[in-house]
Amino acid sequence: MPKPQKEILLEQERFEIKPKSGGGVLSYEVWGYTDKSKVVITRYNLAYINHAIYRGDNSRVLGFDNAHDFHHRHYMGKVETVEFVSYETTLERFQKEWREIAHKQRKSKK
């Protein structure tokens, strides 16, 4: 029987977005392991936090994660199940959506 892989923190980053670019904070946390030189993602938490847009849910405007044994999307306090294709696809969707939200925020302040 193969030995279970030890899960490690692969990425943990936090970026502050300047107010002129929409403001807020981006948070990335990714866990997994390497198997035969291939990275396997086991857990992830991606969040766009901006209290100027939304104050509920710890100001998480948008988020994607797989906590509670299912892949889901947070949007201003609402949670919905999402189809999971890959972490990379989820990351691309997150990047696209937070940029759209920040762009709208930036335009509304002009």
PDB file of N, CA and C in Angstrom:
ATOM      1  N   MET A   1       0.847  -1.177   0.000  1.00  0.00           N
ATOM      2  CA  MET A   1       0.000   0.000   0.000  1.00  0.00           C
ATOM      3  C   MET A   1       0.896   1.245   0.000  1.00  0.00           C
ATOM      4  N   PRO A   2       0.631   2.207  -0.933  1.00  0.00           N
ATOM      5  CA  PRO A   2       1.475   3.408  -0.999  1.00  0.00           C
ATOM      6  C   PRO A   2       1.279   4.300   0.234  1.00  0.00           C
ATOM      7  N   LYS A   3       2.366   4.918   0.626  1.00  0.00           N
ATOM      8  CA  LYS A   3       2.333   5.827   1.772  1.00  0.00           C
ATOM      9  C   LYS A   3       1.593   7.117   1.370  1.00  0.00           C
ATOM     10  N   PRO A   4       0.651   7.608   2.200  1.00  0.00           N
ATOM     11  CA  PRO A   4      -0.042   8.854   1.858  1.00  0.00           C
ATOM     12  C   PRO A   4       0.935  10.026   1.794  1.00  0.00           C
ATOM     13  N   GLN A   5       0.706  10.905   0.857  1.00  0.00           N
ATOM     14  CA  GLN A   5       1.570  12.070   0.688  1.00  0.00           C
ATOM     15  C   GLN A   5       1.310  13.086   1.800  1.00  0.00           C
ATOM     16  N   LYS A   6       2.361  13.751   2.229  1.00  0.00           N
ATOM     17  CA  LYS A   6       2.223  14.791   3.242  1.00  0.00           C
ATOM     18  C   LYS A   6       1.864  16.106   2.562  1.00  0.00           C
ATOM     19  N   GLU A   7       0.746  16.659   2.974  1.00  0.00           N
ATOM     20  CA  GLU A   7       0.277  17.927   2.427  1.00  0.00           C
ATOM     21  C   GLU A   7       1.107  19.074   3.017  1.00  0.00           C
ATOM     22  N   ILE A   8       1.512  20.010   2.140  1.00  0.00           N
ATOM     23  CA  ILE A   8       2.282  21.165   2.587  1.00  0.00           C
ATOM     24  C   ILE A   8       1.670  22.441   1.999  1.00  0.00           C
ATOM     25  N   LEU A   9       1.984  23.556   2.620  1.00  0.00           N
ATOM     26  CA  LEU A   9       1.554  24.851   2.107  1.00  0.00           C
ATOM     27  C   LEU A   9       2.416  25.186   0.897  1.00  0.00           C
ATOM     28  N   LEU A  10       1.789  25.289  -0.268  1.00  0.00           N
ATOM     29  CA  LEU A  10       2.516  25.560  -1.505  1.00  0.00           C
ATOM     30  C   LEU A  10       2.612  27.055  -1.799  1.00  0.00           C
ATOM     31  N   GLU A  11       1.568  27.791  -1.423  1.00  0.00           N
ATOM     32  CA  GLU A  11       1.548  29.230  -1.703  1.00  0.00           C
ATOM     33  C   GLU A  11       0.696  29.923  -0.652  1.00  0.00           C
ATOM     34  N   GLN A  12       1.191  31.036  -0.168  1.00  0.00           N
ATOM     35  CA  GLN A  12       0.408  31.877   0.729  1.00  0.00           C
ATOM     36  C   GLN A  12       0.864  33.303   0.464  1.00  0.00           C
ATOM     37  N   GLU A  13       0.000  34.039  -0.232  1.00  0.00           N
ATOM     38  CA  GLU A  13       0.360  35.399  -0.612  1.00  0.00           C
ATOM     39  C   GLU A  13      -0.803  36.334  -0.353  1.00  0.00           C
ATOM     40  N   ARG A  14      -0.458  37.591  -0.153  1.00  0.00           N
ATOM     41  CA  ARG A  14      -1.457  38.625   0.095  1.00  0.00           C
ATOM     42  C   ARG A  14      -0.967  39.884  -0.618  1.00  0.00           C
ATOM     43  N   PHE A  15      -1.825  40.453  -1.443  1.00  0.00           N
ATOM     44  CA  PHE A  15      -1.465  41.644  -2.210  1.00  0.00           C
ATOM     45  C   PHE A  15      -2.467  42.755  -1.931  1.00  0.00           C
ATOM     46  N   GLU A  16      -1.971  43.936  -1.638  1.00  0.00           N
ATOM     47  CA  GLU A  16      -2.840  45.090  -1.474  1.00  0.00           C
ATOM     48  C   GLU A  16      -2.992  45.770  -2.822  1.00  0.00           C
ATOM     49  N   ILE A  17      -4.238  46.101  -3.149  1.00  0.00           N
ATOM     50  CA  ILE A  17      -4.544  46.761  -4.413  1.00  0.00           C
ATOM     51  C   ILE A  17      -4.718  48.247  -4.124  1.00  0.00           C
ATOM     52  N   LYS A  18      -4.061  49.075  -4.877  1.00  0.00           N
ATOM     53  CA  LYS A  18      -4.151  50.518  -4.666  1.00  0.00           C
ATOM     54  C   LYS A  18      -5.581  51.001  -4.918  1.00  0.00           C
ATOM     55  N   PRO A  19      -6.019  52.008  -4.161  1.00  0.00           N
ATOM     56  CA  PRO A  19      -7.379  52.533  -4.338  1.00  0.00           C
ATOM     57  C   PRO A  19      -7.683  52.960  -5.775  1.00  0.00           C
ATOM     58  N   LYS A  20      -6.704  53.529  -6.467  1.00  0.00           N
ATOM     59  CA  LYS A  20      -6.953  53.962  -7.845  1.00  0.00           C
ATOM     60  C   LYS A  20      -7.189  52.772  -8.783  1.00  0.00           C
ATOM     61  N   SER A  21      -6.832  51.558  -8.321  1.00  0.00           N
ATOM     62  CA  SER A  21      -7.075  50.349  -9.110  1.00  0.00           C
ATOM     63  C   SER A  21      -8.276  49.558  -8.596  1.00  0.00           C
ATOM     64  N   GLY A  22      -9.047  50.151  -7.694  1.00  0.00           N
ATOM     65  CA  GLY A  22     -10.236  49.482  -7.170  1.00  0.00           C
ATOM     66  C   GLY A  22     -10.149  49.169  -5.687  1.00  0.00           C
ATOM     67  N   GLY A  23      -8.935  49.151  -5.138  1.00  0.00           N
ATOM     68  CA  GLY A  23      -8.737  48.920  -3.715  1.00  0.00           C
ATOM     69  C   GLY A  23      -8.963  47.482  -3.299  1.00  0.00           C
ATOM     70  N   GLY A  24      -8.634  47.208  -2.044  1.00  0.00           N
ATOM     71  CA  GLY A  24      -8.854  45.887  -1.471  1.00  0.00           C
ATOM     72  C   GLY A  24      -7.587  45.076  -1.344  1.00  0.00           C
ATOM     73  N   VAL A  25      -7.790  43.803  -1.058  1.00  0.00           N
ATOM     74  CA  VAL A  25      -6.701  42.860  -0.828  1.00  0.00           C
ATOM     75  C   VAL A  25      -7.013  41.556  -1.558  1.00  0.00           C
ATOM     76  N   LEU A  26      -6.000  40.969  -2.155  1.00  0.00           N
ATOM     77  CA  LEU A  26      -6.105  39.633  -2.745  1.00  0.00           C
ATOM     78  C   LEU A  26      -5.358  38.667  -1.836  1.00  0.00           C
ATOM     79  N   SER A  27      -5.986  37.547  -1.547  1.00  0.00           N
ATOM     80  CA  SER A  27      -5.375  36.541  -0.681  1.00  0.00           C
ATOM     81  C   SER A  27      -5.410  35.191  -1.382  1.00  0.00           C
ATOM     82  N   TYR A  28      -4.254  34.528  -1.413  1.00  0.00           N
ATOM     83  CA  TYR A  28      -4.116  33.216  -2.041  1.00  0.00           C
ATOM     84  C   TYR A  28      -3.515  32.250  -1.034  1.00  0.00           C
ATOM     85  N   GLU A  29      -4.150  31.095  -0.860  1.00  0.00           N
ATOM     86  CA  GLU A  29      -3.600  30.043  -0.005  1.00  0.00           C
ATOM     87  C   GLU A  29      -3.845  28.715  -0.712  1.00  0.00           C
ATOM     88  N   VAL A  30      -2.767  27.993  -0.964  1.00  0.00           N
ATOM     89  CA  VAL A  30      -2.852  26.744  -1.722  1.00  0.00           C
ATOM     90  C   VAL A  30      -2.039  25.664  -1.009  1.00  0.00           C
ATOM     91  N   TRP A  31      -2.650  24.501  -0.806  1.00  0.00           N
ATOM     92  CA  TRP A  31      -2.020  23.354  -0.152  1.00  0.00           C
ATOM     93  C   TRP A  31      -1.967  22.179  -1.119  1.00  0.00           C
ATOM     94  N   GLY A  32      -0.978  21.328  -0.953  1.00  0.00           N
ATOM     95  CA  GLY A  32      -0.894  20.140  -1.787  1.00  0.00           C
ATOM     96  C   GLY A  32       0.396  19.380  -1.548  1.00  0.00           C
ATOM     97  N   TYR A  33       0.779  18.603  -2.550  1.00  0.00           N
ATOM     98  CA  TYR A  33       2.006  17.808  -2.454  1.00  0.00           C
ATOM     99  C   TYR A  33       2.525  17.543  -3.865  1.00  0.00           C
ATOM    100  N   THR A  34       3.747  17.036  -3.926  1.00  0.00           N
ATOM    101  CA  THR A  34       4.355  16.680  -5.204  1.00  0.00           C
ATOM    102  C   THR A  34       4.397  15.161  -5.308  1.00  0.00           C
ATOM    103  N   ASP A  35       3.924  14.658  -6.435  1.00  0.00           N
ATOM    104  CA  ASP A  35       3.926  13.228  -6.693  1.00  0.00           C
ATOM    105  C   ASP A  35       4.604  12.984  -8.035  1.00  0.00           C
ATOM    106  N   LYS A  36       5.781  12.376  -7.995  1.00  0.00           N
ATOM    107  CA  LYS A  36       6.554  12.104  -9.213  1.00  0.00           C
ATOM    108  C   LYS A  36       6.728  13.372 -10.044  1.00  0.00           C
ATOM    109  N   SER A  37       7.183  14.426  -9.403  1.00  0.00           N
ATOM    110  CA  SER A  37       7.427  15.754  -9.979  1.00  0.00           C
ATOM    111  C   SER A  37       6.175  16.451 -10.526  1.00  0.00           C
ATOM    112  N   LYS A  38       5.001  15.974 -10.146  1.00  0.00           N
ATOM    113  CA  LYS A  38       3.752  16.644 -10.513  1.00  0.00           C
ATOM    114  C   LYS A  38       3.130  17.218  -9.238  1.00  0.00           C
ATOM    115  N   VAL A  39       2.740  18.501  -9.300  1.00  0.00           N
ATOM    116  CA  VAL A  39       2.123  19.145  -8.145  1.00  0.00           C
ATOM    117  C   VAL A  39       0.642  18.790  -8.110  1.00  0.00           C
ATOM    118  N   VAL A  40       0.185  18.317  -6.957  1.00  0.00           N
ATOM    119  CA  VAL A  40      -1.218  17.961  -6.751  1.00  0.00           C
ATOM    120  C   VAL A  40      -1.789  18.939  -5.716  1.00  0.00           C
ATOM    121  N   ILE A  41      -2.799  19.712  -6.118  1.00  0.00           N
ATOM    122  CA  ILE A  41      -3.448  20.677  -5.226  1.00  0.00           C
ATOM    123  C   ILE A  41      -4.540  19.939  -4.458  1.00  0.00           C
ATOM    124  N   THR A  42      -4.493  20.054  -3.136  1.00  0.00           N
ATOM    125  CA  THR A  42      -5.510  19.400  -2.310  1.00  0.00           C
ATOM    126  C   THR A  42      -6.506  20.393  -1.718  1.00  0.00           C
ATOM    127  N   ARG A  43      -6.017  21.580  -1.388  1.00  0.00           N
ATOM    128  CA  ARG A  43      -6.877  22.620  -0.812  1.00  0.00           C
ATOM    129  C   ARG A  43      -6.475  23.976  -1.367  1.00  0.00           C
ATOM    130  N   TYR A  44      -7.468  24.864  -1.486  1.00  0.00           N
ATOM    131  CA  TYR A  44      -7.172  26.216  -1.928  1.00  0.00           C
ATOM    132  C   TYR A  44      -8.203  27.181  -1.355  1.00  0.00           C
ATOM    133  N   ASN A  45      -7.782  28.427  -1.226  1.00  0.00           N
ATOM    134  CA  ASN A  45      -8.657  29.489  -0.769  1.00  0.00           C
ATOM    135  C   ASN A  45      -8.199  30.769  -1.457  1.00  0.00           C
ATOM    136  N   LEU A  46      -9.026  31.281  -2.351  1.00  0.00           N
ATOM    137  CA  LEU A  46      -8.720  32.503  -3.095  1.00  0.00           C
ATOM    138  C   LEU A  46      -9.749  33.543  -2.681  1.00  0.00           C
ATOM    139  N   ALA A  47      -9.317  34.745  -2.327  1.00  0.00           N
ATOM    140  CA  ALA A  47     -10.272  35.742  -1.854  1.00  0.00           C
ATOM    141  C   ALA A  47      -9.906  37.149  -2.309  1.00  0.00           C
ATOM    142  N   TYR A  48     -10.945  37.903  -2.658  1.00  0.00           N
ATOM    143  CA  TYR A  48     -10.831  39.343  -2.912  1.00  0.00           C
ATOM    144  C   TYR A  48     -11.592  40.015  -1.789  1.00  0.00           C
ATOM    145  N   ILE A  49     -10.893  40.782  -0.982  1.00  0.00           N
ATOM    146  CA  ILE A  49     -11.456  41.422   0.206  1.00  0.00           C
ATOM    147  C   ILE A  49     -11.439  42.931  -0.006  1.00  0.00           C
ATOM    148  N   ASN A  50     -12.602  43.560   0.182  1.00  0.00           N
ATOM    149  CA  ASN A  50     -12.675  45.004  -0.001  1.00  0.00           C
ATOM    150  C   ASN A  50     -13.846  45.543   0.809  1.00  0.00           C
ATOM    151  N   HIS A  51     -13.549  46.139   1.962  1.00  0.00           N
ATOM    152  CA  HIS A  51     -14.628  46.622   2.833  1.00  0.00           C
ATOM    153  C   HIS A  51     -15.370  47.816   2.250  1.00  0.00           C
ATOM    154  N   ALA A  52     -14.818  48.479   1.241  1.00  0.00           N
ATOM    155  CA  ALA A  52     -15.524  49.578   0.589  1.00  0.00           C
ATOM    156  C   ALA A  52     -16.661  49.065  -0.289  1.00  0.00           C
ATOM    157  N   ILE A  53     -16.605  47.782  -0.669  1.00  0.00           N
ATOM    158  CA  ILE A  53     -17.644  47.190  -1.513  1.00  0.00           C
ATOM    159  C   ILE A  53     -18.624  46.388  -0.680  1.00  0.00           C
ATOM    160  N   TYR A  54     -18.106  45.604   0.276  1.00  0.00           N
ATOM    161  CA  TYR A  54     -18.953  44.697   1.056  1.00  0.00           C
ATOM    162  C   TYR A  54     -18.356  44.508   2.437  1.00  0.00           C
ATOM    163  N   ARG A  55     -19.196  44.631   3.468  1.00  0.00           N
ATOM    164  CA  ARG A  55     -18.684  44.535   4.843  1.00  0.00           C
ATOM    165  C   ARG A  55     -19.046  43.222   5.526  1.00  0.00           C
ATOM    166  N   GLY A  56     -19.917  42.430   4.947  1.00  0.00           N
ATOM    167  CA  GLY A  56     -20.243  41.128   5.524  1.00  0.00           C
ATOM    168  C   GLY A  56     -19.148  40.121   5.216  1.00  0.00           C
ATOM    169  N   ASP A  57     -19.253  38.922   5.787  1.00  0.00           N
ATOM    170  CA  ASP A  57     -18.325  37.827   5.489  1.00  0.00           C
ATOM    171  C   ASP A  57     -16.866  38.274   5.555  1.00  0.00           C
ATOM    172  N   ASN A  58     -16.520  39.063   6.582  1.00  0.00           N
ATOM    173  CA  ASN A  58     -15.166  39.596   6.752  1.00  0.00           C
ATOM    174  C   ASN A  58     -14.696  40.392   5.539  1.00  0.00           C
ATOM    175  N   SER A  59     -15.632  41.069   4.875  1.00  0.00           N
ATOM    176  CA  SER A  59     -15.375  41.911   3.692  1.00  0.00           C
ATOM    177  C   SER A  59     -14.921  41.120   2.473  1.00  0.00           C
ATOM    178  N   ARG A  60     -15.192  39.807   2.477  1.00  0.00           N
ATOM    179  CA  ARG A  60     -14.854  38.993   1.306  1.00  0.00           C
ATOM    180  C   ARG A  60     -15.903  39.254   0.232  1.00  0.00           C
ATOM    181  N   VAL A  61     -15.504  39.972  -0.789  1.00  0.00           N
ATOM    182  CA  VAL A  61     -16.387  40.281  -1.902  1.00  0.00           C
ATOM    183  C   VAL A  61     -16.537  39.044  -2.780  1.00  0.00           C
ATOM    184  N   LEU A  62     -15.411  38.400  -3.058  1.00  0.00           N
ATOM    185  CA  LEU A  62     -15.380  37.248  -3.952  1.00  0.00           C
ATOM    186  C   LEU A  62     -14.397  36.225  -3.397  1.00  0.00           C
ATOM    187  N   GLY A  63     -14.745  34.967  -3.502  1.00  0.00           N
ATOM    188  CA  GLY A  63     -13.827  33.931  -3.067  1.00  0.00           C
ATOM    189  C   GLY A  63     -14.155  32.592  -3.700  1.00  0.00           C
ATOM    190  N   PHE A  64     -13.137  31.792  -3.853  1.00  0.00           N
ATOM    191  CA  PHE A  64     -13.293  30.415  -4.321  1.00  0.00           C
ATOM    192  C   PHE A  64     -12.498  29.540  -3.362  1.00  0.00           C
ATOM    193  N   ASP A  65     -13.088  28.422  -2.933  1.00  0.00           N
ATOM    194  CA  ASP A  65     -12.357  27.485  -2.098  1.00  0.00           C
ATOM    195  C   ASP A  65     -13.013  26.113  -2.164  1.00  0.00           C
ATOM    196  N   ASN A  66     -12.335  25.146  -1.548  1.00  0.00           N
ATOM    197  CA  ASN A  66     -12.883  23.793  -1.512  1.00  0.00           C
ATOM    198  C   ASN A  66     -12.976  23.282  -0.081  1.00  0.00           C
ATOM    199  N   ALA A  67     -13.220  24.197   0.847  1.00  0.00           N
ATOM    200  CA  ALA A  67     -13.438  23.805   2.243  1.00  0.00           C
ATOM    201  C   ALA A  67     -14.778  23.084   2.343  1.00  0.00           C
ATOM    202  N   HIS A  68     -14.988  22.369   3.408  1.00  0.00           N
ATOM    203  CA  HIS A  68     -16.255  21.668   3.658  1.00  0.00           C
ATOM    204  C   HIS A  68     -16.544  20.596   2.609  1.00  0.00           C
ATOM    205  N   ASP A  69     -15.485  20.087   1.979  1.00  0.00           N
ATOM    206  CA  ASP A  69     -15.582  18.967   1.029  1.00  0.00           C
ATOM    207  C   ASP A  69     -16.355  19.257  -0.245  1.00  0.00           C
ATOM    208  N   PHE A  70     -16.430  20.532  -0.655  1.00  0.00           N
ATOM    209  CA  PHE A  70     -16.992  20.825  -1.973  1.00  0.00           C
ATOM    210  C   PHE A  70     -16.420  22.136  -2.497  1.00  0.00           C
ATOM    211  N   HIS A  71     -16.358  22.252  -3.816  1.00  0.00           N
ATOM    212  CA  HIS A  71     -15.834  23.443  -4.472  1.00  0.00           C
ATOM    213  C   HIS A  71     -16.960  24.462  -4.540  1.00  0.00           C
ATOM    214  N   HIS A  72     -16.665  25.687  -4.098  1.00  0.00           N
ATOM    215  CA  HIS A  72     -17.717  26.688  -4.096  1.00  0.00           C
ATOM    216  C   HIS A  72     -17.163  28.095  -4.273  1.00  0.00           C
ATOM    217  N   ARG A  73     -18.108  28.989  -4.592  1.00  0.00           N
ATOM    218  CA  ARG A  73     -17.804  30.393  -4.864  1.00  0.00           C
ATOM    219  C   ARG A  73     -18.577  31.238  -3.863  1.00  0.00           C
ATOM    220  N   HIS A  74     -17.887  32.214  -3.288  1.00  0.00           N
ATOM    221  CA  HIS A  74     -18.511  33.193  -2.404  1.00  0.00           C
ATOM    222  C   HIS A  74     -18.639  34.493  -3.189  1.00  0.00           C
ATOM    223  N   TYR A  75     -19.783  35.119  -3.114  1.00  0.00           N
ATOM    224  CA  TYR A  75     -19.936  36.444  -3.714  1.00  0.00           C
ATOM    225  C   TYR A  75     -20.839  37.266  -2.814  1.00  0.00           C
ATOM    226  N   MET A  76     -20.247  38.204  -2.124  1.00  0.00           N
ATOM    227  CA  MET A  76     -20.948  39.109  -1.222  1.00  0.00           C
ATOM    228  C   MET A  76     -21.943  38.380  -0.322  1.00  0.00           C
ATOM    229  N   GLY A  77     -21.438  37.369   0.364  1.00  0.00           N
ATOM    230  CA  GLY A  77     -22.230  36.658   1.360  1.00  0.00           C
ATOM    231  C   GLY A  77     -23.013  35.459   0.861  1.00  0.00           C
ATOM    232  N   LYS A  78     -23.109  35.312  -0.438  1.00  0.00           N
ATOM    233  CA  LYS A  78     -23.830  34.162  -0.996  1.00  0.00           C
ATOM    234  C   LYS A  78     -22.813  33.106  -1.412  1.00  0.00           C
ATOM    235  N   VAL A  79     -23.174  31.849  -1.185  1.00  0.00           N
ATOM    236  CA  VAL A  79     -22.285  30.735  -1.516  1.00  0.00           C
ATOM    237  C   VAL A  79     -22.995  29.839  -2.517  1.00  0.00           C
ATOM    238  N   GLU A  80     -22.277  29.464  -3.575  1.00  0.00           N
ATOM    239  CA  GLU A  80     -22.843  28.550  -4.565  1.00  0.00           C
ATOM    240  C   GLU A  80     -21.810  27.501  -4.949  1.00  0.00           C
ATOM    241  N   THR A  81     -22.270  26.289  -5.180  1.00  0.00           N
ATOM    242  CA  THR A  81     -21.407  25.219  -5.650  1.00  0.00           C
ATOM    243  C   THR A  81     -20.950  25.543  -7.066  1.00  0.00           C
ATOM    244  N   VAL A  82     -19.695  25.260  -7.370  1.00  0.00           N
ATOM    245  CA  VAL A  82     -19.173  25.461  -8.721  1.00  0.00           C
ATOM    246  C   VAL A  82     -18.594  24.155  -9.233  1.00  0.00           C
ATOM    247  N   GLU A  83     -18.669  23.989 -10.537  1.00  0.00           N
ATOM    248  CA  GLU A  83     -18.065  22.809 -11.154  1.00  0.00           C
ATOM    249  C   GLU A  83     -16.555  22.977 -11.117  1.00  0.00           C
ATOM    250  N   PHE A  84     -15.860  21.941 -10.694  1.00  0.00           N
ATOM    251  CA  PHE A  84     -14.406  22.000 -10.614  1.00  0.00           C
ATOM    252  C   PHE A  84     -13.799  21.252 -11.783  1.00  0.00           C
ATOM    253  N   VAL A  85     -13.009  21.950 -12.578  1.00  0.00           N
ATOM    254  CA  VAL A  85     -12.274  21.349 -13.687  1.00  0.00           C
ATOM    255  C   VAL A  85     -10.821  21.152 -13.266  1.00  0.00           C
ATOM    256  N   SER A  86     -10.228  22.233 -12.765  1.00  0.00           N
ATOM    257  CA  SER A  86      -8.849  22.194 -12.268  1.00  0.00           C
ATOM    258  C   SER A  86      -8.618  23.438 -11.422  1.00  0.00           C
ATOM    259  N   TYR A  87      -7.580  23.387 -10.626  1.00  0.00           N
ATOM    260  CA  TYR A  87      -7.228  24.572  -9.842  1.00  0.00           C
ATOM    261  C   TYR A  87      -6.889  25.732 -10.779  1.00  0.00           C
ATOM    262  N   GLU A  88      -6.163  25.453 -11.846  1.00  0.00           N
ATOM    263  CA  GLU A  88      -5.765  26.495 -12.793  1.00  0.00           C
ATOM    264  C   GLU A  88      -6.979  27.189 -13.402  1.00  0.00           C
ATOM    265  N   THR A  89      -8.003  26.422 -13.756  1.00  0.00           N
ATOM    266  CA  THR A  89      -9.229  26.992 -14.313  1.00  0.00           C
ATOM    267  C   THR A  89      -9.933  27.857 -13.271  1.00  0.00           C
ATOM    268  N   THR A  90      -9.968  27.377 -12.047  1.00  0.00           N
ATOM    269  CA  THR A  90     -10.589  28.138 -10.962  1.00  0.00           C
ATOM    270  C   THR A  90      -9.825  29.432 -10.720  1.00  0.00           C
ATOM    271  N   LEU A  91      -8.502  29.375 -10.719  1.00  0.00           N
ATOM    272  CA  LEU A  91      -7.675  30.557 -10.531  1.00  0.00           C
ATOM    273  C   LEU A  91      -7.928  31.576 -11.644  1.00  0.00           C
ATOM    274  N   GLU A  92      -8.013  31.122 -12.883  1.00  0.00           N
ATOM    275  CA  GLU A  92      -8.288  32.020 -14.007  1.00  0.00           C
ATOM    276  C   GLU A  92      -9.645  32.697 -13.841  1.00  0.00           C
ATOM    277  N   ARG A  93     -10.652  31.940 -13.428  1.00  0.00           N
ATOM    278  CA  ARG A  93     -11.982  32.514 -13.214  1.00  0.00           C
ATOM    279  C   ARG A  93     -11.937  33.557 -12.098  1.00  0.00           C
ATOM    280  N   PHE A  94     -11.257  33.230 -11.007  1.00  0.00           N
ATOM    281  CA  PHE A  94     -11.128  34.169  -9.896  1.00  0.00           C
ATOM    282  C   PHE A  94     -10.457  35.461 -10.360  1.00  0.00           C
ATOM    283  N   GLN A  95      -9.345  35.345 -11.088  1.00  0.00           N
ATOM    284  CA  GLN A  95      -8.615  36.526 -11.570  1.00  0.00           C
ATOM    285  C   GLN A  95      -9.506  37.399 -12.452  1.00  0.00           C
ATOM    286  N   LYS A  96     -10.237  36.772 -13.336  1.00  0.00           N
ATOM    287  CA  LYS A  96     -11.123  37.510 -14.246  1.00  0.00           C
ATOM    288  C   LYS A  96     -12.220  38.230 -13.464  1.00  0.00           C
ATOM    289  N   GLU A  97     -12.855  37.535 -12.537  1.00  0.00           N
ATOM    290  CA  GLU A  97     -13.972  38.110 -11.805  1.00  0.00           C
ATOM    291  C   GLU A  97     -13.548  39.227 -10.859  1.00  0.00           C
ATOM    292  N   TRP A  98     -12.436  39.065 -10.115  1.00  0.00           N
ATOM    293  CA  TRP A  98     -12.061  40.142  -9.189  1.00  0.00           C
ATOM    294  C   TRP A  98     -11.654  41.383  -9.963  1.00  0.00           C
ATOM    295  N   ARG A  99     -11.024  41.192 -11.116  1.00  0.00           N
ATOM    296  CA  ARG A  99     -10.644  42.357 -11.935  1.00  0.00           C
ATOM    297  C   ARG A  99     -11.877  43.111 -12.426  1.00  0.00           C
ATOM    298  N   GLU A 100     -12.917  42.379 -12.834  1.00  0.00           N
ATOM    299  CA  GLU A 100     -14.161  43.019 -13.277  1.00  0.00           C
ATOM    300  C   GLU A 100     -14.803  43.806 -12.133  1.00  0.00           C
ATOM    301  N   ILE A 101     -14.817  43.218 -10.941  1.00  0.00           N
ATOM    302  CA  ILE A 101     -15.405  43.888  -9.770  1.00  0.00           C
ATOM    303  C   ILE A 101     -14.598  45.140  -9.426  1.00  0.00           C
ATOM    304  N   ALA A 102     -13.287  45.039  -9.392  1.00  0.00           N
ATOM    305  CA  ALA A 102     -12.423  46.177  -9.068  1.00  0.00           C
ATOM    306  C   ALA A 102     -12.564  47.275 -10.122  1.00  0.00           C
ATOM    307  N   HIS A 103     -12.694  46.886 -11.371  1.00  0.00           N
ATOM    308  CA  HIS A 103     -12.872  47.862 -12.463  1.00  0.00           C
ATOM    309  C   HIS A 103     -14.167  48.647 -12.257  1.00  0.00           C
ATOM    310  N   LYS A 104     -15.250  47.950 -11.922  1.00  0.00           N
ATOM    311  CA  LYS A 104     -16.528  48.625 -11.660  1.00  0.00           C
ATOM    312  C   LYS A 104     -16.392  49.566 -10.468  1.00  0.00           C
ATOM    313  N   GLN A 105     -15.693  49.122  -9.425  1.00  0.00           N
ATOM    314  CA  GLN A 105     -15.479  49.951  -8.246  1.00  0.00           C
ATOM    315  C   GLN A 105     -14.703  51.202  -8.604  1.00  0.00           C
ATOM    316  N   ARG A 106     -13.683  51.054  -9.403  1.00  0.00           N
ATOM    317  CA  ARG A 106     -12.853  52.184  -9.823  1.00  0.00           C
ATOM    318  C   ARG A 106     -13.672  53.179 -10.630  1.00  0.00           C
ATOM    319  N   LYS A 107     -14.497  52.670 -11.554  1.00  0.00           N
ATOM    320  CA  LYS A 107     -15.326  53.545 -12.386  1.00  0.00           C
ATOM    321  C   LYS A 107     -16.379  54.274 -11.563  1.00  0.00           C
ATOM    322  N   SER A 108     -16.917  53.619 -10.534  1.00  0.00           N
ATOM    323  CA  SER A 108     -17.962  54.244  -9.728  1.00  0.00           C
ATOM    324  C   SER A 108     -17.437  55.393  -8.873  1.00  0.00           C
ATOM    325  N   LYS A 109     -16.133  55.435  -8.653  1.00  0.00           N
ATOM    326  CA  LYS A 109     -15.546  56.507  -7.847  1.00  0.00           C
ATOM    327  C   LYS A 109     -15.169  57.724  -8.668  1.00  0.00           C
ATOM    328  N   LYS A 110     -15.260  57.629  -9.981  1.00  0.00           N
ATOM    329  CA  LYS A 110     -14.896  58.761 -10.844  1.00  0.00           C
ATOM    330  C   LYS A 110     -16.010  59.773 -10.893  1.00  0.00           C
TER     331      LYS A 110
END
